[in-house]
Amino acid sequence: MTESKNDLTNEEQETLLQTLSARFEKNMHRHETLEWKKVEARLMASPDKLWSLSEMERTEGEPDVVGYDAETEHFLFFDCSKESPKGRRSICYDRQALEARKKHKPENSAMDMAAEMGIEMLTEEEYRALQELEKFDMKTSTWVKTPKDIRERGGAIFCDYRYGHVFVYHNGADSYYGSRGFRGVLRV
């Protein structure tokens, strides 16, 4: 049987788990009531989720557990890099916006990258919840999942944290900036 391109070697898994464990222990304020052993057991049973976390890490998202959804019984990993992940900036919102650009197309779109990584983009509500844990995007901004009615009109929304507040803005979905990327969520 051949390995999938989404498989990690045993060494890559070990390195990733060490990184995630150290981050988990260092940032207990993000998940005070959770235990790493339970998270790790769930991860070991889900190699596809480990691969997605490795992609979040590779693109400098610094994923960490930020909660547990009792209804779905999932641990929630969000990108917790202080600024929008460096490996996911200078991208427009989605494939439609990318294809609509006539000149100076970015290399990718946020929605496509998220799908390729096996994660979802944060919603505005998830972004606000993340900001309750600590402050992020004080110099950058983050595309968030855009409501259908806004997207149908050509727009997309993004968020950042300035002046002690979370701000939600709009822009053309085909726009892209060196300081705007996206944050993801992975449910494990």
Protein backbone atom coordinates (compact mmCIF):
# COMPACT_ATOMS: atom_id res chain seq x y z
CA MET A 1 0.00 0.00 0.00
CA THR A 2 1.41 3.42 -0.93
CA GLU A 3 1.44 6.34 1.43
CA SER A 4 -0.82 9.29 0.72
CA LYS A 5 0.79 12.67 0.11
CA ASN A 6 -1.06 13.71 3.27
CA ASP A 7 0.70 11.17 5.48
CA LEU A 8 3.39 12.20 7.93
CA THR A 9 6.35 10.00 8.72
CA ASN A 10 6.68 8.73 12.31
CA GLU A 11 9.46 11.27 12.85
CA GLU A 12 7.32 14.14 11.50
CA GLN A 13 4.42 13.07 13.74
CA GLU A 14 6.68 12.93 16.77
CA THR A 15 8.15 16.38 16.07
CA LEU A 16 4.71 17.90 15.49
CA LEU A 17 3.26 16.35 18.66
CA GLN A 18 6.21 17.70 20.67
CA THR A 19 5.64 21.18 19.23
CA LEU A 20 1.90 21.06 19.91
CA SER A 21 2.38 19.69 23.43
CA ALA A 22 4.90 22.41 24.33
CA ARG A 23 2.57 25.12 22.96
CA PHE A 24 -0.37 23.59 24.86
CA GLU A 25 1.56 23.65 28.16
CA LYS A 26 2.90 27.17 27.58
CA ASN A 27 -0.56 28.62 26.87
CA MET A 28 -2.85 27.01 29.44
CA HIS A 29 -4.99 30.19 29.53
CA ARG A 30 -6.37 29.09 26.13
CA HIS A 31 -7.66 25.75 27.44
CA GLU A 32 -7.59 25.69 31.26
CA THR A 33 -9.95 22.73 31.69
CA LEU A 34 -8.42 20.45 29.04
CA GLU A 35 -5.75 17.77 29.32
CA TRP A 36 -3.07 17.21 26.69
CA LYS A 37 -3.23 13.40 27.03
CA LYS A 38 -6.85 13.40 25.82
CA VAL A 39 -6.06 15.72 22.93
CA GLU A 40 -3.02 13.64 21.97
CA ALA A 41 -5.03 10.39 22.03
CA ARG A 42 -7.59 11.92 19.67
CA LEU A 43 -4.82 13.15 17.36
CA MET A 44 -3.13 9.76 17.26
CA ALA A 45 -6.42 8.23 16.11
CA SER A 46 -6.73 10.82 13.30
CA PRO A 47 -3.65 10.93 11.04
CA ASP A 48 -5.47 13.17 8.55
CA LYS A 49 -5.97 15.74 11.31
CA LEU A 50 -2.28 15.54 12.22
CA TRP A 51 -1.43 16.30 8.60
CA SER A 52 -3.75 19.33 8.63
CA LEU A 53 -2.10 20.56 11.84
CA SER A 54 1.30 20.12 10.22
CA GLU A 55 0.11 22.33 7.33
CA MET A 56 -1.12 24.93 9.82
CA GLU A 57 2.30 24.80 11.47
CA ARG A 58 4.20 24.86 8.15
CA THR A 59 2.40 28.06 7.12
CA GLU A 60 3.27 29.63 10.52
CA GLY A 61 -0.22 29.54 12.03
CA GLU A 62 1.00 28.17 15.40
CA PRO A 63 -2.14 26.03 15.97
CA ASP A 64 -3.26 25.45 19.54
CA VAL A 65 -6.29 24.02 21.30
CA VAL A 66 -8.71 26.81 22.20
CA GLY A 67 -11.66 24.78 23.42
CA TYR A 68 -13.84 21.71 23.34
CA ASP A 69 -17.23 21.54 21.65
CA ALA A 70 -19.27 19.25 23.93
CA GLU A 71 -22.09 19.04 21.40
CA THR A 72 -19.90 17.60 18.61
CA GLU A 73 -17.24 16.20 20.98
CA HIS A 74 -14.42 17.91 19.10
CA PHE A 75 -11.31 19.66 20.34
CA LEU A 76 -10.93 22.99 18.53
CA PHE A 77 -7.54 24.03 17.16
CA PHE A 78 -7.26 27.65 15.98
CA ASP A 79 -4.27 29.42 14.46
CA CYS A 80 -2.77 31.36 17.37
CA SER A 81 0.13 33.19 15.72
CA LYS A 82 0.26 36.77 17.02
CA GLU A 83 -0.21 38.12 13.48
CA SER A 84 -1.96 36.58 10.50
CA PRO A 85 0.03 33.46 9.44
CA LYS A 86 2.93 34.52 7.22
CA GLY A 87 2.58 31.55 4.88
CA ARG A 88 -1.01 32.51 4.09
CA ARG A 89 -0.82 36.20 3.22
CA SER A 90 -1.17 38.08 -0.07
CA ILE A 91 -4.13 35.97 -1.17
CA CYS A 92 -7.61 36.95 -2.26
CA TYR A 93 -10.75 35.52 -0.69
CA ASP A 94 -11.86 32.64 -2.96
CA ARG A 95 -11.43 30.95 -6.36
CA GLN A 96 -14.13 33.08 -8.01
CA ALA A 97 -12.30 36.25 -6.94
CA LEU A 98 -8.95 34.84 -8.08
CA GLU A 99 -10.29 33.97 -11.52
CA ALA A 100 -11.99 37.36 -11.86
CA ARG A 101 -8.70 39.25 -11.54
CA LYS A 102 -7.37 40.31 -14.92
CA LYS A 103 -3.89 41.43 -13.78
CA HIS A 104 -1.56 40.84 -10.87
CA LYS A 105 -3.26 37.67 -9.68
CA PRO A 106 -2.15 36.36 -6.29
CA GLU A 107 -0.89 32.79 -6.16
CA ASN A 108 -3.90 31.43 -4.31
CA SER A 109 -7.07 32.20 -2.40
CA ALA A 110 -7.90 31.82 1.28
CA MET A 111 -10.80 29.43 0.70
CA ASP A 112 -8.75 27.21 -1.63
CA MET A 113 -5.80 27.11 0.76
CA ALA A 114 -8.05 26.21 3.68
CA ALA A 115 -9.63 23.37 1.69
CA GLU A 116 -6.21 22.09 0.56
CA MET A 117 -5.07 22.08 4.21
CA GLY A 118 -8.19 20.29 5.43
CA ILE A 119 -9.28 23.17 7.67
CA GLU A 120 -12.00 25.82 7.67
CA MET A 121 -11.60 29.57 7.81
CA LEU A 122 -12.67 31.18 11.07
CA THR A 123 -16.09 32.79 11.18
CA GLU A 124 -16.49 36.28 12.57
CA GLU A 125 -17.86 34.76 15.80
CA GLU A 126 -14.88 32.39 16.10
CA TYR A 127 -12.50 35.28 15.44
CA ARG A 128 -14.12 37.30 18.23
CA ALA A 129 -13.88 34.28 20.57
CA LEU A 130 -10.18 33.95 19.76
CA GLN A 131 -9.65 37.63 20.63
CA GLU A 132 -11.19 36.95 24.08
CA LEU A 133 -8.26 34.63 24.86
CA GLU A 134 -5.57 37.18 23.98
CA LYS A 135 -4.97 39.86 21.38
CA PHE A 136 -4.10 38.92 17.79
CA ASP A 137 -3.70 40.81 14.49
CA MET A 138 -2.59 44.10 15.97
CA LYS A 139 -0.56 44.81 12.79
CA THR A 140 -2.18 42.45 10.25
CA SER A 141 -5.69 41.43 9.26
CA THR A 142 -7.49 38.14 8.66
CA TRP A 143 -10.06 37.09 6.07
CA VAL A 144 -13.04 35.43 7.79
CA LYS A 145 -15.84 33.31 6.38
CA THR A 146 -18.09 35.75 4.55
CA PRO A 147 -21.90 35.56 4.60
CA LYS A 148 -23.36 34.45 1.27
CA ASP A 149 -25.27 37.67 0.61
CA ILE A 150 -22.11 39.77 0.94
CA ARG A 151 -20.09 37.39 -1.22
CA GLU A 152 -22.80 37.39 -3.93
CA ARG A 153 -22.33 41.16 -4.21
CA GLY A 154 -18.58 40.79 -4.78
CA GLY A 155 -17.44 41.53 -1.25
CA ALA A 156 -15.71 39.66 1.53
CA ILE A 157 -15.05 40.51 5.17
CA PHE A 158 -11.92 40.58 7.26
CA CYS A 159 -11.08 41.41 10.86
CA ASP A 160 -8.29 42.82 12.95
CA TYR A 161 -7.67 44.19 16.46
CA ARG A 162 -6.97 47.91 16.91
CA TYR A 163 -7.54 50.49 19.63
CA GLY A 164 -8.75 47.86 22.09
CA HIS A 165 -11.49 46.56 19.75
CA VAL A 166 -12.14 43.90 17.13
CA PHE A 167 -13.00 45.57 13.83
CA VAL A 168 -14.85 43.93 10.95
CA TYR A 169 -14.34 45.45 7.52
CA HIS A 170 -15.30 44.73 3.94
CA ASN A 171 -13.28 44.69 0.75
CA GLY A 172 -13.63 43.36 -2.76
CA ALA A 173 -13.09 39.59 -2.56
CA ASP A 174 -10.41 39.90 -5.26
CA SER A 175 -8.25 42.25 -3.18
CA TYR A 176 -5.10 41.03 -1.50
CA TYR A 177 -2.47 42.59 0.73
CA GLY A 178 0.86 41.56 2.17
CA SER A 179 -0.55 42.03 5.67
CA ARG A 180 -3.79 40.05 5.18
CA GLY A 181 -4.06 36.28 5.43
CA PHE A 182 -6.49 33.92 7.08
CA ARG A 183 -6.78 31.90 10.28
CA GLY A 184 -8.23 28.44 10.38
CA VAL A 185 -10.04 26.08 12.67
CA LEU A 186 -9.55 22.32 12.81
CA ARG A 187 -12.05 20.15 14.67
CA VAL A 188 -10.48 16.97 16.06
